[in-house]
Protein backbone atom coordinates (compact mmCIF):
# COMPACT_ATOMS: atom_id res chain seq x y z
CA MET A 1 -53.97 3.57 7.65
CA ASP A 2 -55.57 6.84 6.60
CA PHE A 3 -52.39 8.97 6.62
CA LYS A 4 -54.05 12.22 5.61
CA ARG A 5 -56.78 11.96 8.23
CA ILE A 6 -54.35 11.04 11.01
CA LEU A 7 -51.80 13.69 10.09
CA LYS A 8 -54.47 16.36 9.86
CA GLN A 9 -55.61 15.55 13.41
CA LEU A 10 -52.10 15.15 14.81
CA LEU A 11 -50.71 18.33 13.25
CA ALA A 12 -53.69 20.36 14.48
CA SER A 13 -53.25 18.97 18.01
CA PHE A 14 -49.49 19.49 17.93
CA GLY A 15 -50.08 23.11 16.95
CA GLU A 16 -52.68 23.67 19.68
CA GLN A 17 -50.40 22.09 22.29
CA HIS A 18 -47.20 23.77 20.99
CA ILE A 19 -45.55 20.38 20.53
CA ARG A 20 -42.17 20.64 18.84
CA TYR A 21 -42.02 17.95 16.18
CA ALA A 22 -40.72 16.98 12.74
CA LEU A 23 -41.69 14.14 10.44
CA ILE A 24 -39.03 11.46 9.97
CA GLY A 25 -38.94 8.02 8.37
CA GLY A 26 -40.70 6.88 5.23
CA PHE A 27 -43.35 9.58 5.27
CA ALA A 28 -40.66 12.28 5.53
CA LEU A 29 -38.91 10.75 2.52
CA GLY A 30 -42.14 11.06 0.57
CA ALA A 31 -42.48 14.69 1.63
CA ARG A 32 -38.95 15.22 0.31
CA GLY A 33 -39.86 13.71 -3.06
CA ILE A 34 -38.53 10.19 -2.52
CA PRO A 35 -41.38 7.72 -3.05
CA ARG A 36 -41.34 5.13 -0.29
CA SER A 37 -44.07 2.88 1.01
CA THR A 38 -44.61 3.01 4.74
CA VAL A 39 -47.04 1.48 7.21
CA ASP A 40 -46.72 4.02 10.00
CA ILE A 41 -45.96 7.66 10.78
CA ASP A 42 -42.72 8.57 12.51
CA PHE A 43 -41.93 11.80 14.34
CA LEU A 44 -39.00 13.35 16.13
CA ILE A 45 -40.41 15.22 19.13
CA HIS A 46 -38.90 17.38 21.84
CA HIS A 47 -38.44 15.30 25.00
CA ASP A 48 -40.06 18.03 27.12
CA ASP A 49 -43.28 17.58 25.13
CA LEU A 50 -43.71 13.86 25.92
CA GLN A 51 -46.60 14.38 28.35
CA LYS A 52 -48.43 16.55 25.80
CA VAL A 53 -47.87 13.89 23.13
CA GLN A 54 -49.19 11.21 25.51
CA ALA A 55 -52.33 13.29 26.10
CA VAL A 56 -52.89 13.87 22.38
CA MET A 57 -52.37 10.23 21.49
CA THR A 58 -54.63 8.84 24.22
CA SER A 59 -57.34 11.40 23.37
CA MET A 60 -57.26 10.00 19.82
CA GLY A 61 -57.68 6.44 21.13
CA TYR A 62 -54.07 5.28 20.78
CA GLU A 63 -52.42 3.01 23.33
CA CYS A 64 -48.77 3.36 24.25
CA ARG A 65 -47.34 -0.08 23.48
CA TYR A 66 -43.69 0.68 24.10
CA GLN A 67 -41.72 3.50 25.65
CA THR A 68 -38.09 4.03 26.57
CA GLU A 69 -35.98 7.12 27.14
CA ASN A 70 -35.44 7.26 23.36
CA VAL A 71 -38.70 6.17 21.71
CA SER A 72 -42.46 5.80 22.12
CA GLN A 73 -44.76 3.62 20.04
CA TYR A 74 -48.51 4.18 19.88
CA VAL A 75 -50.98 1.79 18.27
CA SER A 76 -54.67 2.25 17.67
CA PRO A 77 -57.07 -0.65 18.10
CA LEU A 78 -58.68 0.65 14.89
CA LYS A 79 -56.67 -0.38 11.84
CA ILE A 80 -57.50 2.86 10.02
CA PHE A 81 -55.49 4.80 12.65
CA GLY A 82 -52.51 2.41 12.60
CA GLU A 83 -49.23 3.05 14.39
CA VAL A 84 -47.45 6.29 15.23
CA ASP A 85 -43.87 6.21 16.50
CA PHE A 86 -41.91 8.96 18.22
CA LEU A 87 -38.18 9.42 18.55
CA HIS A 88 -37.44 11.63 21.57
CA ALA A 89 -35.10 14.57 21.02
CA PHE A 90 -33.05 15.41 24.08
CA ARG A 91 -29.43 15.21 22.92
CA LYS A 92 -27.82 18.28 21.39
CA ILE A 93 -27.76 16.85 17.86
CA SER A 94 -31.42 15.79 17.83
CA MET A 95 -32.47 19.15 19.29
CA LEU A 96 -30.63 20.85 16.40
CA MET A 97 -32.45 18.58 13.96
CA LEU A 98 -35.78 19.79 15.34
CA GLN A 99 -34.71 23.43 15.10
CA ARG A 100 -33.56 23.04 11.48
CA ALA A 101 -36.68 21.23 10.23
CA ASP A 102 -38.49 22.80 7.26
CA GLU A 103 -42.20 23.38 6.79
CA ILE A 104 -43.29 21.47 3.70
CA LYS A 105 -46.64 21.18 1.96
CA ILE A 106 -47.94 17.61 1.83
CA PHE A 107 -51.00 15.96 0.28
CA GLU A 108 -50.96 18.25 -2.76
CA GLY A 109 -50.59 21.28 -0.52
CA SER A 110 -53.61 20.61 1.69
CA LEU A 111 -51.45 20.27 4.83
CA THR A 112 -48.18 21.75 6.01
CA ALA A 113 -45.85 19.73 8.22
CA ARG A 114 -42.41 20.19 9.68
CA VAL A 115 -40.01 17.72 8.05
CA LEU A 116 -36.37 17.06 8.90
CA LYS A 117 -33.76 18.44 6.54
CA VAL A 118 -32.37 15.92 4.06
CA GLU A 119 -28.98 15.82 5.83
CA ASP A 120 -30.69 14.96 9.12
CA LEU A 121 -32.84 12.25 7.52
CA ILE A 122 -29.63 10.74 6.18
CA GLY A 123 -28.07 11.01 9.65
CA LEU A 124 -30.94 9.07 11.24
CA LYS A 125 -30.65 6.40 8.55
CA VAL A 126 -26.89 6.08 9.18
CA GLN A 127 -27.61 5.73 12.89
CA ALA A 128 -30.25 3.06 12.23
CA MET A 129 -27.79 1.03 10.13
CA ALA A 130 -25.05 1.42 12.75
CA ASN A 131 -27.42 0.24 15.50
CA ASP A 132 -28.87 -2.67 13.50
CA SER A 133 -27.05 -3.93 10.40
CA THR A 134 -30.20 -5.73 9.19
CA ARG A 135 -31.65 -2.28 8.40
CA THR A 136 -29.00 -1.63 5.75
CA SER A 137 -31.10 -3.20 2.99
CA VAL A 138 -33.82 -0.57 3.60
CA ASP A 139 -31.85 2.44 4.83
CA LEU A 140 -28.92 2.43 2.40
CA PRO A 141 -31.17 2.69 -0.70
CA ASP A 142 -33.04 5.54 1.03
CA ILE A 143 -29.74 7.33 1.67
CA GLU A 144 -28.68 6.83 -1.93
CA MET A 145 -31.98 8.15 -3.30
CA LEU A 146 -31.69 11.25 -1.10
CA MET A 147 -28.07 11.81 -2.14
CA ASP A 148 -28.94 11.36 -5.80
CA ARG A 149 -31.90 13.74 -5.72
CA TYR A 150 -30.28 16.41 -3.54
CA ARG A 151 -26.63 16.08 -4.63
CA GLU A 152 -26.36 19.74 -5.67
CA GLU A 153 -27.83 21.32 -2.54
CA LEU A 154 -26.76 18.76 0.06
CA ASP A 155 -24.48 20.00 2.84
CA TRP A 156 -21.89 17.26 2.34
CA ASN A 157 -19.92 18.36 5.44
CA THR A 158 -22.93 17.77 7.69
CA VAL A 159 -23.56 14.40 6.05
CA GLN A 160 -19.89 13.46 6.52
CA GLU A 161 -20.16 14.33 10.24
CA TYR A 162 -23.03 11.85 10.62
CA PHE A 163 -21.10 9.08 8.90
CA ALA A 164 -18.03 9.84 11.05
CA LEU A 165 -20.13 9.87 14.22
CA PHE A 166 -21.17 6.27 13.49
CA GLU A 167 -17.75 5.20 12.20
CA GLN A 168 -18.94 4.82 8.61
CA GLN A 169 -16.30 7.01 6.91
CA GLU A 170 -15.48 4.42 4.23
CA LEU A 171 -19.13 4.13 3.22
CA PHE A 172 -19.38 7.93 3.12
CA SER A 173 -16.36 8.16 0.82
CA THR A 174 -17.88 5.61 -1.54
CA LEU A 175 -21.25 7.36 -1.62
CA LYS A 176 -19.77 10.84 -1.96
CA GLY A 177 -17.68 9.62 -4.90
CA LYS A 178 -20.82 8.26 -6.52
CA TYR A 179 -23.19 11.20 -5.90
CA HIS A 180 -21.16 14.37 -5.33
CA HIS A 181 -19.57 15.75 -8.42
CA ALA A 182 -17.29 18.68 -7.63
CA GLU A 183 -17.32 21.42 -10.23
């Protein structure tokens, strides 16, 4: 998948169409300085922009392979364009995530993309593990790398709220003890 080419096209179209989005998943981790291989691009998008996203994706030759109230998955018949997945923001917490997203330079500064805050990336990873325990082997190391890198500037209260929301308080306590060093 040609990530730079696809993101350049998508971000331009999202801007033209005023689509509210933020990068999530493995690519967002990379944008936040956590190296992580990935095979697709993942976005959080405002639910009200779904029709615009559908139009953008089909105009680029993607086919919608799967869609529910919560997610959409688009796949291109051309391998170079790969797969693009969308998580739909319509609940209060995911709408706040979109609002808080930062603009970050990617590809050595040649593109700027909105990327979820570190706390919100951690929150999505906690949710993924709570929904499917088989994801723990991928998501827990990602959480730990984010906590390690951002330990000083992390809003630990927000992170704790995510762990509490998914009944993972014990795990939070363990991780906070490992990565947060009170002064």
